[in-house]
Amino acid sequence: MVQLISTILERGVSTGHFRRDVDPLDFYVTLVGMGYYIASNRYTISVFAGRDYAEYPEREKMSEMHLAMLEAYLRSTP
């Protein structure tokens, strides 16, 4: 998986879309962690925050936010 991400990052760097200093393993751990936290803690979050991340609209909203955060991190600066 890390090799695949490394290849994708290299491709993004070569096209000028991604910055050069992204570590593939760090990126993978971050990517997995973002999704895992919401999934593994959805019941606890539901109790203390009153929001059910198991419901589609909430999952969709979090997915969009995660993608925006990851894209902002990867984006090459002009």
PDB file of N, CA and C in Angstrom:
ATOM      1  N   MET A   1       0.828  -1.188   0.000  1.00  0.00           N
ATOM      2  CA  MET A   1       0.000   0.000   0.000  1.00  0.00           C
ATOM      3  C   MET A   1       0.875   1.256   0.000  1.00  0.00           C
ATOM      4  N   VAL A   2       1.925   1.241   0.804  1.00  0.00           N
ATOM      5  CA  VAL A   2       2.800   2.405   0.875  1.00  0.00           C
ATOM      6  C   VAL A   2       3.504   2.628  -0.469  1.00  0.00           C
ATOM      7  N   GLN A   3       3.875   1.542  -1.136  1.00  0.00           N
ATOM      8  CA  GLN A   3       4.511   1.674  -2.443  1.00  0.00           C
ATOM      9  C   GLN A   3       3.535   2.280  -3.458  1.00  0.00           C
ATOM     10  N   LEU A   4       2.286   1.858  -3.410  1.00  0.00           N
ATOM     11  CA  LEU A   4       1.273   2.418  -4.303  1.00  0.00           C
ATOM     12  C   LEU A   4       1.112   3.921  -4.050  1.00  0.00           C
ATOM     13  N   ILE A   5       1.029   4.303  -2.797  1.00  0.00           N
ATOM     14  CA  ILE A   5       0.902   5.719  -2.452  1.00  0.00           C
ATOM     15  C   ILE A   5       2.145   6.484  -2.906  1.00  0.00           C
ATOM     16  N   SER A   6       3.299   5.879  -2.732  1.00  0.00           N
ATOM     17  CA  SER A   6       4.541   6.502  -3.171  1.00  0.00           C
ATOM     18  C   SER A   6       4.509   6.773  -4.676  1.00  0.00           C
ATOM     19  N   THR A   7       4.027   5.797  -5.437  1.00  0.00           N
ATOM     20  CA  THR A   7       3.922   5.956  -6.891  1.00  0.00           C
ATOM     21  C   THR A   7       2.957   7.081  -7.249  1.00  0.00           C
ATOM     22  N   ILE A   8       1.831   7.143  -6.572  1.00  0.00           N
ATOM     23  CA  ILE A   8       0.832   8.195  -6.825  1.00  0.00           C
ATOM     24  C   ILE A   8       1.411   9.562  -6.472  1.00  0.00           C
ATOM     25  N   LEU A   9       2.115   9.640  -5.343  1.00  0.00           N
ATOM     26  CA  LEU A   9       2.719  10.909  -4.943  1.00  0.00           C
ATOM     27  C   LEU A   9       3.768  11.355  -5.955  1.00  0.00           C
ATOM     28  N   GLU A  10       4.588  10.430  -6.414  1.00  0.00           N
ATOM     29  CA  GLU A  10       5.606  10.751  -7.418  1.00  0.00           C
ATOM     30  C   GLU A  10       4.960  11.274  -8.702  1.00  0.00           C
ATOM     31  N   ARG A  11       3.876  10.634  -9.103  1.00  0.00           N
ATOM     32  CA  ARG A  11       3.157  11.085 -10.298  1.00  0.00           C
ATOM     33  C   ARG A  11       2.626  12.507 -10.104  1.00  0.00           C
ATOM     34  N   GLY A  12       2.073  12.768  -8.931  1.00  0.00           N
ATOM     35  CA  GLY A  12       1.561  14.102  -8.635  1.00  0.00           C
ATOM     36  C   GLY A  12       2.652  15.157  -8.608  1.00  0.00           C
ATOM     37  N   VAL A  13       3.816  14.786  -8.095  1.00  0.00           N
ATOM     38  CA  VAL A  13       4.956  15.710  -8.079  1.00  0.00           C
ATOM     39  C   VAL A  13       5.404  15.996  -9.505  1.00  0.00           C
ATOM     40  N   SER A  14       5.475  14.959 -10.329  1.00  0.00           N
ATOM     41  CA  SER A  14       5.955  15.140 -11.707  1.00  0.00           C
ATOM     42  C   SER A  14       5.020  16.018 -12.545  1.00  0.00           C
ATOM     43  N   THR A  15       3.741  16.038 -12.207  1.00  0.00           N
ATOM     44  CA  THR A  15       2.799  16.896 -12.941  1.00  0.00           C
ATOM     45  C   THR A  15       2.700  18.293 -12.323  1.00  0.00           C
ATOM     46  N   GLY A  16       3.340  18.471 -11.153  1.00  0.00           N
ATOM     47  CA  GLY A  16       3.298  19.766 -10.485  1.00  0.00           C
ATOM     48  C   GLY A  16       2.096  19.962  -9.589  1.00  0.00           C
ATOM     49  N   HIS A  17       1.296  18.920  -9.386  1.00  0.00           N
ATOM     50  CA  HIS A  17       0.102  19.034  -8.546  1.00  0.00           C
ATOM     51  C   HIS A  17       0.408  18.830  -7.064  1.00  0.00           C
ATOM     52  N   PHE A  18       1.376  17.977  -6.747  1.00  0.00           N
ATOM     53  CA  PHE A  18       1.693  17.653  -5.350  1.00  0.00           C
ATOM     54  C   PHE A  18       3.051  18.214  -4.963  1.00  0.00           C
ATOM     55  N   ARG A  19       3.183  18.554  -3.713  1.00  0.00           N
ATOM     56  CA  ARG A  19       4.465  19.017  -3.198  1.00  0.00           C
ATOM     57  C   ARG A  19       5.444  17.849  -3.072  1.00  0.00           C
ATOM     58  N   ARG A  20       6.706  18.147  -2.980  1.00  0.00           N
ATOM     59  CA  ARG A  20       7.751  17.121  -3.015  1.00  0.00           C
ATOM     60  C   ARG A  20       8.034  16.458  -1.670  1.00  0.00           C
ATOM     61  N   ASP A  21       7.727  17.093  -0.578  1.00  0.00           N
ATOM     62  CA  ASP A  21       8.200  16.627   0.725  1.00  0.00           C
ATOM     63  C   ASP A  21       7.205  15.758   1.502  1.00  0.00           C
ATOM     64  N   VAL A  22       6.312  15.083   0.817  1.00  0.00           N
ATOM     65  CA  VAL A  22       5.318  14.236   1.496  1.00  0.00           C
ATOM     66  C   VAL A  22       5.902  12.833   1.668  1.00  0.00           C
ATOM     67  N   ASP A  23       5.972  12.386   2.899  1.00  0.00           N
ATOM     68  CA  ASP A  23       6.448  11.039   3.184  1.00  0.00           C
ATOM     69  C   ASP A  23       5.289  10.058   2.954  1.00  0.00           C
ATOM     70  N   PRO A  24       5.464   9.049   2.106  1.00  0.00           N
ATOM     71  CA  PRO A  24       4.359   8.130   1.792  1.00  0.00           C
ATOM     72  C   PRO A  24       3.792   7.396   3.008  1.00  0.00           C
ATOM     73  N   LEU A  25       4.647   6.957   3.917  1.00  0.00           N
ATOM     74  CA  LEU A  25       4.148   6.251   5.104  1.00  0.00           C
ATOM     75  C   LEU A  25       3.372   7.196   6.012  1.00  0.00           C
ATOM     76  N   ASP A  26       3.911   8.395   6.243  1.00  0.00           N
ATOM     77  CA  ASP A  26       3.194   9.375   7.074  1.00  0.00           C
ATOM     78  C   ASP A  26       1.835   9.708   6.466  1.00  0.00           C
ATOM     79  N   PHE A  27       1.814   9.874   5.154  1.00  0.00           N
ATOM     80  CA  PHE A  27       0.554  10.185   4.485  1.00  0.00           C
ATOM     81  C   PHE A  27      -0.442   9.030   4.644  1.00  0.00           C
ATOM     82  N   TYR A  28       0.028   7.804   4.475  1.00  0.00           N
ATOM     83  CA  TYR A  28      -0.834   6.625   4.628  1.00  0.00           C
ATOM     84  C   TYR A  28      -1.408   6.548   6.040  1.00  0.00           C
ATOM     85  N   VAL A  29      -0.559   6.724   7.038  1.00  0.00           N
ATOM     86  CA  VAL A  29      -1.014   6.650   8.432  1.00  0.00           C
ATOM     87  C   VAL A  29      -2.067   7.727   8.702  1.00  0.00           C
ATOM     88  N   THR A  30      -1.850   8.919   8.171  1.00  0.00           N
ATOM     89  CA  THR A  30      -2.820  10.008   8.339  1.00  0.00           C
ATOM     90  C   THR A  30      -4.131   9.693   7.644  1.00  0.00           C
ATOM     91  N   LEU A  31      -4.042   9.217   6.420  1.00  0.00           N
ATOM     92  CA  LEU A  31      -5.225   8.866   5.634  1.00  0.00           C
ATOM     93  C   LEU A  31      -6.079   7.816   6.350  1.00  0.00           C
ATOM     94  N   VAL A  32      -5.435   6.769   6.800  1.00  0.00           N
ATOM     95  CA  VAL A  32      -6.153   5.690   7.491  1.00  0.00           C
ATOM     96  C   VAL A  32      -6.721   6.180   8.819  1.00  0.00           C
ATOM     97  N   GLY A  33      -5.934   6.970   9.528  1.00  0.00           N
ATOM     98  CA  GLY A  33      -6.371   7.465  10.833  1.00  0.00           C
ATOM     99  C   GLY A  33      -7.605   8.347  10.749  1.00  0.00           C
ATOM    100  N   MET A  34      -7.693   9.143   9.709  1.00  0.00           N
ATOM    101  CA  MET A  34      -8.849  10.039   9.570  1.00  0.00           C
ATOM    102  C   MET A  34     -10.144   9.237   9.472  1.00  0.00           C
ATOM    103  N   GLY A  35     -10.125   8.192   8.687  1.00  0.00           N
ATOM    104  CA  GLY A  35     -11.326   7.371   8.534  1.00  0.00           C
ATOM    105  C   GLY A  35     -11.580   6.472   9.733  1.00  0.00           C
ATOM    106  N   TYR A  36     -10.506   5.941  10.300  1.00  0.00           N
ATOM    107  CA  TYR A  36     -10.643   4.992  11.409  1.00  0.00           C
ATOM    108  C   TYR A  36     -11.248   5.660  12.643  1.00  0.00           C
ATOM    109  N   TYR A  37     -10.794   6.848  12.960  1.00  0.00           N
ATOM    110  CA  TYR A  37     -11.271   7.508  14.178  1.00  0.00           C
ATOM    111  C   TYR A  37     -12.785   7.672  14.167  1.00  0.00           C
ATOM    112  N   ILE A  38     -13.314   8.170  13.075  1.00  0.00           N
ATOM    113  CA  ILE A  38     -14.765   8.379  12.976  1.00  0.00           C
ATOM    114  C   ILE A  38     -15.505   7.052  13.075  1.00  0.00           C
ATOM    115  N   ALA A  39     -14.999   6.031  12.388  1.00  0.00           N
ATOM    116  CA  ALA A  39     -15.673   4.729  12.394  1.00  0.00           C
ATOM    117  C   ALA A  39     -15.607   4.073  13.768  1.00  0.00           C
ATOM    118  N   SER A  40     -14.446   4.086  14.388  1.00  0.00           N
ATOM    119  CA  SER A  40     -14.287   3.366  15.652  1.00  0.00           C
ATOM    120  C   SER A  40     -14.893   4.100  16.843  1.00  0.00           C
ATOM    121  N   ASN A  41     -15.090   5.396  16.724  1.00  0.00           N
ATOM    122  CA  ASN A  41     -15.617   6.182  17.842  1.00  0.00           C
ATOM    123  C   ASN A  41     -16.997   6.765  17.581  1.00  0.00           C
ATOM    124  N   ARG A  42     -17.678   6.258  16.566  1.00  0.00           N
ATOM    125  CA  ARG A  42     -18.959   6.863  16.195  1.00  0.00           C
ATOM    126  C   ARG A  42     -19.999   6.791  17.312  1.00  0.00           C
ATOM    127  N   TYR A  43     -19.993   5.733  18.110  1.00  0.00           N
ATOM    128  CA  TYR A  43     -20.984   5.633  19.187  1.00  0.00           C
ATOM    129  C   TYR A  43     -20.661   6.612  20.314  1.00  0.00           C
ATOM    130  N   THR A  44     -19.386   6.720  20.657  1.00  0.00           N
ATOM    131  CA  THR A  44     -18.984   7.666  21.691  1.00  0.00           C
ATOM    132  C   THR A  44     -19.266   9.096  21.246  1.00  0.00           C
ATOM    133  N   ILE A  45     -18.915   9.420  20.009  1.00  0.00           N
ATOM    134  CA  ILE A  45     -19.174  10.761  19.483  1.00  0.00           C
ATOM    135  C   ILE A  45     -20.678  11.044  19.484  1.00  0.00           C
ATOM    136  N   SER A  46     -21.463  10.041  19.144  1.00  0.00           N
ATOM    137  CA  SER A  46     -22.909  10.204  19.119  1.00  0.00           C
ATOM    138  C   SER A  46     -23.441  10.548  20.506  1.00  0.00           C
ATOM    139  N   VAL A  47     -22.883   9.915  21.547  1.00  0.00           N
ATOM    140  CA  VAL A  47     -23.346  10.170  22.909  1.00  0.00           C
ATOM    141  C   VAL A  47     -22.955  11.564  23.380  1.00  0.00           C
ATOM    142  N   PHE A  48     -21.692  11.950  23.198  1.00  0.00           N
ATOM    143  CA  PHE A  48     -21.277  13.236  23.753  1.00  0.00           C
ATOM    144  C   PHE A  48     -21.540  14.420  22.832  1.00  0.00           C
ATOM    145  N   ALA A  49     -21.703  14.185  21.536  1.00  0.00           N
ATOM    146  CA  ALA A  49     -21.918  15.304  20.619  1.00  0.00           C
ATOM    147  C   ALA A  49     -23.303  15.288  19.982  1.00  0.00           C
ATOM    148  N   GLY A  50     -24.001  14.160  20.097  1.00  0.00           N
ATOM    149  CA  GLY A  50     -25.336  14.079  19.520  1.00  0.00           C
ATOM    150  C   GLY A  50     -25.356  13.995  18.001  1.00  0.00           C
ATOM    151  N   ARG A  51     -24.234  13.583  17.410  1.00  0.00           N
ATOM    152  CA  ARG A  51     -24.153  13.479  15.956  1.00  0.00           C
ATOM    153  C   ARG A  51     -23.805  12.040  15.596  1.00  0.00           C
ATOM    154  N   ASP A  52     -24.583  11.464  14.694  1.00  0.00           N
ATOM    155  CA  ASP A  52     -24.393  10.065  14.318  1.00  0.00           C
ATOM    156  C   ASP A  52     -23.634   9.979  12.995  1.00  0.00           C
ATOM    157  N   TYR A  53     -22.346   9.687  13.080  1.00  0.00           N
ATOM    158  CA  TYR A  53     -21.522   9.591  11.880  1.00  0.00           C
ATOM    159  C   TYR A  53     -21.737   8.299  11.110  1.00  0.00           C
ATOM    160  N   ALA A  54     -22.615   7.446  11.589  1.00  0.00           N
ATOM    161  CA  ALA A  54     -22.979   6.250  10.835  1.00  0.00           C
ATOM    162  C   ALA A  54     -24.039   6.579   9.780  1.00  0.00           C
ATOM    163  N   GLU A  55     -24.712   7.707   9.932  1.00  0.00           N
ATOM    164  CA  GLU A  55     -25.731   8.110   8.968  1.00  0.00           C
ATOM    165  C   GLU A  55     -25.075   8.723   7.731  1.00  0.00           C
ATOM    166  N   TYR A  56     -25.649   8.444   6.569  1.00  0.00           N
ATOM    167  CA  TYR A  56     -25.050   8.853   5.306  1.00  0.00           C
ATOM    168  C   TYR A  56     -24.716  10.341   5.216  1.00  0.00           C
ATOM    169  N   PRO A  57     -25.621  11.260   5.542  1.00  0.00           N
ATOM    170  CA  PRO A  57     -25.273  12.684   5.373  1.00  0.00           C
ATOM    171  C   PRO A  57     -24.038  13.084   6.185  1.00  0.00           C
ATOM    172  N   GLU A  58     -23.902  12.549   7.377  1.00  0.00           N
ATOM    173  CA  GLU A  58     -22.745  12.872   8.219  1.00  0.00           C
ATOM    174  C   GLU A  58     -21.468  12.252   7.664  1.00  0.00           C
ATOM    175  N   ARG A  59     -21.560  11.007   7.192  1.00  0.00           N
ATOM    176  CA  ARG A  59     -20.390  10.353   6.584  1.00  0.00           C
ATOM    177  C   ARG A  59     -19.932  11.113   5.354  1.00  0.00           C
ATOM    178  N   GLU A  60     -20.889  11.529   4.539  1.00  0.00           N
ATOM    179  CA  GLU A  60     -20.577  12.269   3.318  1.00  0.00           C
ATOM    180  C   GLU A  60     -19.884  13.596   3.651  1.00  0.00           C
ATOM    181  N   LYS A  61     -20.413  14.288   4.646  1.00  0.00           N
ATOM    182  CA  LYS A  61     -19.840  15.574   5.055  1.00  0.00           C
ATOM    183  C   LYS A  61     -18.402  15.391   5.551  1.00  0.00           C
ATOM    184  N   MET A  62     -18.167  14.363   6.355  1.00  0.00           N
ATOM    185  CA  MET A  62     -16.816  14.113   6.867  1.00  0.00           C
ATOM    186  C   MET A  62     -15.877  13.693   5.745  1.00  0.00           C
ATOM    187  N   SER A  63     -16.354  12.892   4.825  1.00  0.00           N
ATOM    188  CA  SER A  63     -15.523  12.472   3.692  1.00  0.00           C
ATOM    189  C   SER A  63     -15.087  13.683   2.870  1.00  0.00           C
ATOM    190  N   GLU A  64     -16.007  14.588   2.617  1.00  0.00           N
ATOM    191  CA  GLU A  64     -15.685  15.794   1.858  1.00  0.00           C
ATOM    192  C   GLU A  64     -14.658  16.648   2.595  1.00  0.00           C
ATOM    193  N   MET A  65     -14.811  16.763   3.911  1.00  0.00           N
ATOM    194  CA  MET A  65     -13.867  17.550   4.693  1.00  0.00           C
ATOM    195  C   MET A  65     -12.486  16.888   4.689  1.00  0.00           C
ATOM    196  N   HIS A  66     -12.444  15.577   4.860  1.00  0.00           N
ATOM    197  CA  HIS A  66     -11.166  14.859   4.838  1.00  0.00           C
ATOM    198  C   HIS A  66     -10.471  15.029   3.489  1.00  0.00           C
ATOM    199  N   LEU A  67     -11.218  14.904   2.409  1.00  0.00           N
ATOM    200  CA  LEU A  67     -10.627  15.081   1.080  1.00  0.00           C
ATOM    201  C   LEU A  67     -10.075  16.492   0.900  1.00  0.00           C
ATOM    202  N   ALA A  68     -10.812  17.485   1.348  1.00  0.00           N
ATOM    203  CA  ALA A  68     -10.350  18.871   1.236  1.00  0.00           C
ATOM    204  C   ALA A  68      -9.071  19.079   2.042  1.00  0.00           C
ATOM    205  N   MET A  69      -9.000  18.510   3.237  1.00  0.00           N
ATOM    206  CA  MET A  69      -7.810  18.642   4.074  1.00  0.00           C
ATOM    207  C   MET A  69      -6.606  17.949   3.426  1.00  0.00           C
ATOM    208  N   LEU A  70      -6.818  16.757   2.909  1.00  0.00           N
ATOM    209  CA  LEU A  70      -5.727  16.017   2.280  1.00  0.00           C
ATOM    210  C   LEU A  70      -5.256  16.716   1.005  1.00  0.00           C
ATOM    211  N   GLU A  71      -6.185  17.215   0.212  1.00  0.00           N
ATOM    212  CA  GLU A  71      -5.817  17.942  -1.003  1.00  0.00           C
ATOM    213  C   GLU A  71      -5.033  19.208  -0.673  1.00  0.00           C
ATOM    214  N   ALA A  72      -5.453  19.918   0.362  1.00  0.00           N
ATOM    215  CA  ALA A  72      -4.740  21.138   0.771  1.00  0.00           C
ATOM    216  C   ALA A  72      -3.316  20.799   1.220  1.00  0.00           C
ATOM    217  N   TYR A  73      -3.165  19.700   1.907  1.00  0.00           N
ATOM    218  CA  TYR A  73      -1.834  19.271   2.369  1.00  0.00           C
ATOM    219  C   TYR A  73      -0.934  18.883   1.191  1.00  0.00           C
ATOM    220  N   LEU A  74      -1.487  18.177   0.237  1.00  0.00           N
ATOM    221  CA  LEU A  74      -0.699  17.684  -0.906  1.00  0.00           C
ATOM    222  C   LEU A  74      -0.370  18.764  -1.928  1.00  0.00           C
ATOM    223  N   ARG A  75      -1.211  19.783  -2.014  1.00  0.00           N
ATOM    224  CA  ARG A  75      -1.113  20.769  -3.081  1.00  0.00           C
ATOM    225  C   ARG A  75       0.254  21.437  -3.126  1.00  0.00           C
ATOM    226  N   SER A  76       0.764  21.509  -4.319  1.00  0.00           N
ATOM    227  CA  SER A  76       2.031  22.197  -4.564  1.00  0.00           C
ATOM    228  C   SER A  76       1.797  23.692  -4.509  1.00  0.00           C
ATOM    229  N   THR A  77       2.696  24.416  -3.879  1.00  0.00           N
ATOM    230  CA  THR A  77       2.554  25.868  -3.843  1.00  0.00           C
ATOM    231  C   THR A  77       3.207  26.472  -5.082  1.00  0.00           C
ATOM    232  N   PRO A  78       2.567  27.477  -5.651  1.00  0.00           N
ATOM    233  CA  PRO A  78       3.098  28.080  -6.888  1.00  0.00           C
ATOM    234  C   PRO A  78       4.414  28.806  -6.653  1.00  0.00           C
TER     235      PRO A  78
END
